[in-house]
Structures are given as structure tokens and as C-alpha cells.
C-alpha atoms as a PDB file:
ATOM      1  CA  MET A   1      88.950  93.942 161.052  1.00  0.00           C
ATOM      2  CA  SER A   2      86.122  96.420 161.358  1.00  0.00           C
ATOM      3  CA  TYR A   3      84.718  98.286 158.380  1.00  0.00           C
ATOM      4  CA  GLN A   4      82.485 100.492 160.581  1.00  0.00           C
ATOM      5  CA  GLY A   5      79.357  99.980 158.531  1.00  0.00           C
ATOM      6  CA  SER A   6      80.974 100.105 155.103  1.00  0.00           C
ATOM      7  CA  ARG A   7      81.573  97.068 152.958  1.00  0.00           C
ATOM      8  CA  PRO A   8      85.000  96.050 151.705  1.00  0.00           C
ATOM      9  CA  LYS A   9      85.949  97.258 148.238  1.00  0.00           C
ATOM     10  CA  ALA A  10      88.864  96.825 145.859  1.00  0.00           C
ATOM     11  CA  VAL A  11      91.316  99.710 145.622  1.00  0.00           C
ATOM     12  CA  ILE A  12      93.815 100.161 142.773  1.00  0.00           C
ATOM     13  CA  ASP A  13      97.203 101.691 143.557  1.00  0.00           C
ATOM     14  CA  GLN A  14      97.858 103.693 140.371  1.00  0.00           C
ATOM     15  CA  ASN A  15     101.589 103.837 141.173  1.00  0.00           C
ATOM     16  CA  ARG A  16     101.846 100.040 140.992  1.00  0.00           C
ATOM     17  CA  CYS A  17      99.364  99.403 138.154  1.00  0.00           C
ATOM     18  CA  ASP A  18     101.082  98.759 134.822  1.00  0.00           C
ATOM     19  CA  GLY A  19      98.038  99.983 132.860  1.00  0.00           C
ATOM     20  CA  ALA A  20      97.970  97.000 130.520  1.00  0.00           C
ATOM     21  CA  ALA A  21      95.216  97.179 127.907  1.00  0.00           C
ATOM     22  CA  GLY A  22      94.413  93.470 128.431  1.00  0.00           C
ATOM     23  CA  CYS A  23      94.252  93.787 132.214  1.00  0.00           C
ATOM     24  CA  PRO A  24      93.656  90.434 133.952  1.00  0.00           C
ATOM     25  CA  VAL A  25      92.077  92.293 136.886  1.00  0.00           C
ATOM     26  CA  LYS A  26      89.391  93.772 134.639  1.00  0.00           C
ATOM     27  CA  ARG A  27      88.823  90.396 132.935  1.00  0.00           C
ATOM     28  CA  SER A  28      88.568  88.472 136.221  1.00  0.00           C
ATOM     29  CA  CYS A  29      85.945  90.635 137.929  1.00  0.00           C
ATOM     30  CA  PRO A  30      82.655  88.684 138.087  1.00  0.00           C
ATOM     31  CA  ARG A  31      80.682  91.933 138.543  1.00  0.00           C
ATOM     32  CA  ASN A  32      82.425  93.966 135.805  1.00  0.00           C
ATOM     33  CA  ALA A  33      83.269  96.546 138.463  1.00  0.00           C
ATOM     34  CA  ILE A  34      86.702  97.490 137.071  1.00  0.00           C
ATOM     35  CA  LEU A  35      86.273 100.494 134.797  1.00  0.00           C
ATOM     36  CA  GLU A  36      88.567 101.969 132.168  1.00  0.00           C
ATOM     37  CA  ILE A  37      88.594 105.685 132.889  1.00  0.00           C
ATOM     38  CA  ASP A  38      91.428 106.893 130.655  1.00  0.00           C
ATOM     39  CA  ARG A  39      93.587 105.608 127.821  1.00  0.00           C
ATOM     40  CA  GLU A  40      96.682 107.223 126.376  1.00  0.00           C
ATOM     41  CA  MET A  41      99.345 106.059 123.968  1.00  0.00           C
ATOM     42  CA  GLY A  42     102.665 105.318 125.624  1.00  0.00           C
ATOM     43  CA  VAL A  43     106.026 104.265 124.253  1.00  0.00           C
ATOM     44  CA  TRP A  44     105.126 100.545 124.511  1.00  0.00           C
ATOM     45  CA  GLY A  45     101.468 100.850 123.479  1.00  0.00           C
ATOM     46  CA  PRO A  46      98.259 101.936 125.174  1.00  0.00           C
ATOM     47  CA  LYS A  47      98.415 102.843 128.869  1.00  0.00           C
ATOM     48  CA  VAL A  48      95.067 102.510 130.587  1.00  0.00           C
ATOM     49  CA  THR A  49      93.938 103.979 133.890  1.00  0.00           C
ATOM     50  CA  TYR A  50      91.474 101.779 135.772  1.00  0.00           C
ATOM     51  CA  ALA A  51      89.107 102.527 138.659  1.00  0.00           C
ATOM     52  CA  VAL A  52      86.798 100.449 140.804  1.00  0.00           C
ATOM     53  CA  GLY A  53      83.099 101.098 140.267  1.00  0.00           C
ATOM     54  CA  ASP A  54      80.115 100.835 142.594  1.00  0.00           C
ATOM     55  CA  LEU A  55      79.398  97.252 141.533  1.00  0.00           C
ATOM     56  CA  CYS A  56      82.410  96.030 143.530  1.00  0.00           C
ATOM     57  CA  THR A  57      81.461  93.640 146.356  1.00  0.00           C
ATOM     58  CA  GLY A  58      84.985  93.249 147.742  1.00  0.00           C
ATOM     59  CA  CYS A  59      85.168  89.547 146.823  1.00  0.00           C
ATOM     60  CA  GLY A  60      88.955  89.787 146.260  1.00  0.00           C
ATOM     61  CA  ILE A  61      89.120  87.842 143.000  1.00  0.00           C
ATOM     62  CA  CYS A  62      90.656  90.806 141.193  1.00  0.00           C
ATOM     63  CA  ALA A  63      93.454  91.113 143.778  1.00  0.00           C
ATOM     64  CA  GLN A  64      94.389  87.482 143.152  1.00  0.00           C
ATOM     65  CA  TYR A  65      94.822  88.133 139.419  1.00  0.00           C
ATOM     66  CA  CYS A  66      96.800  91.397 139.587  1.00  0.00           C
ATOM     67  CA  PRO A  67     100.360  90.625 138.367  1.00  0.00           C
ATOM     68  CA  THR A  68     101.794  93.805 139.899  1.00  0.00           C
ATOM     69  CA  GLY A  69     100.039  93.633 143.280  1.00  0.00           C
ATOM     70  CA  ALA A  70      98.317  96.958 142.632  1.00  0.00           C
ATOM     71  CA  VAL A  71      94.909  95.802 143.881  1.00  0.00           C
ATOM     72  CA  SER A  72      94.001  95.456 147.547  1.00  0.00           C
ATOM     73  CA  ILE A  73      90.726  95.027 149.404  1.00  0.00           C
ATOM     74  CA  ARG A  74      89.866  97.642 152.032  1.00  0.00           C
END
């Protein structure tokens, strides 16, 4: 797989992310690269939107911890 000069990075599929406030992806990142960018109150509690910040090294740990499979490395 060729990245053509760019390094791999985690990507979050917002359609698959459940937006849990206690996100295991955010907690597992050794670089604290998963950022909370929005929070709204839903029917079942807070719904959080996450993004991947510049600190991401593409290590893949976060993808291993995502219970919904919303995180991939590209």
C-alpha cells in the first residue's frame, strides 16, 4: 500500500460512530489525537462528534478499540 508521501492517519466514519460520551477510541489513543468537536443532548444522553487531530501517527490502536468499527487507518 502506497501513501504517496503522506503518513497513515485514523479516519472516523461519522455515520458509524455512536457518539458515546465515554468513547473507548478517545481513551485508547496514546497521543490524545481524538478530539471532541461537538456535543449535543440526544434522547439517550449526550451525543458527541469526534475528529482526528494532527497528533495522529496512524498507529491503529484506536481502530482496535472502536466497538462500532467507525475508525479506519488510511
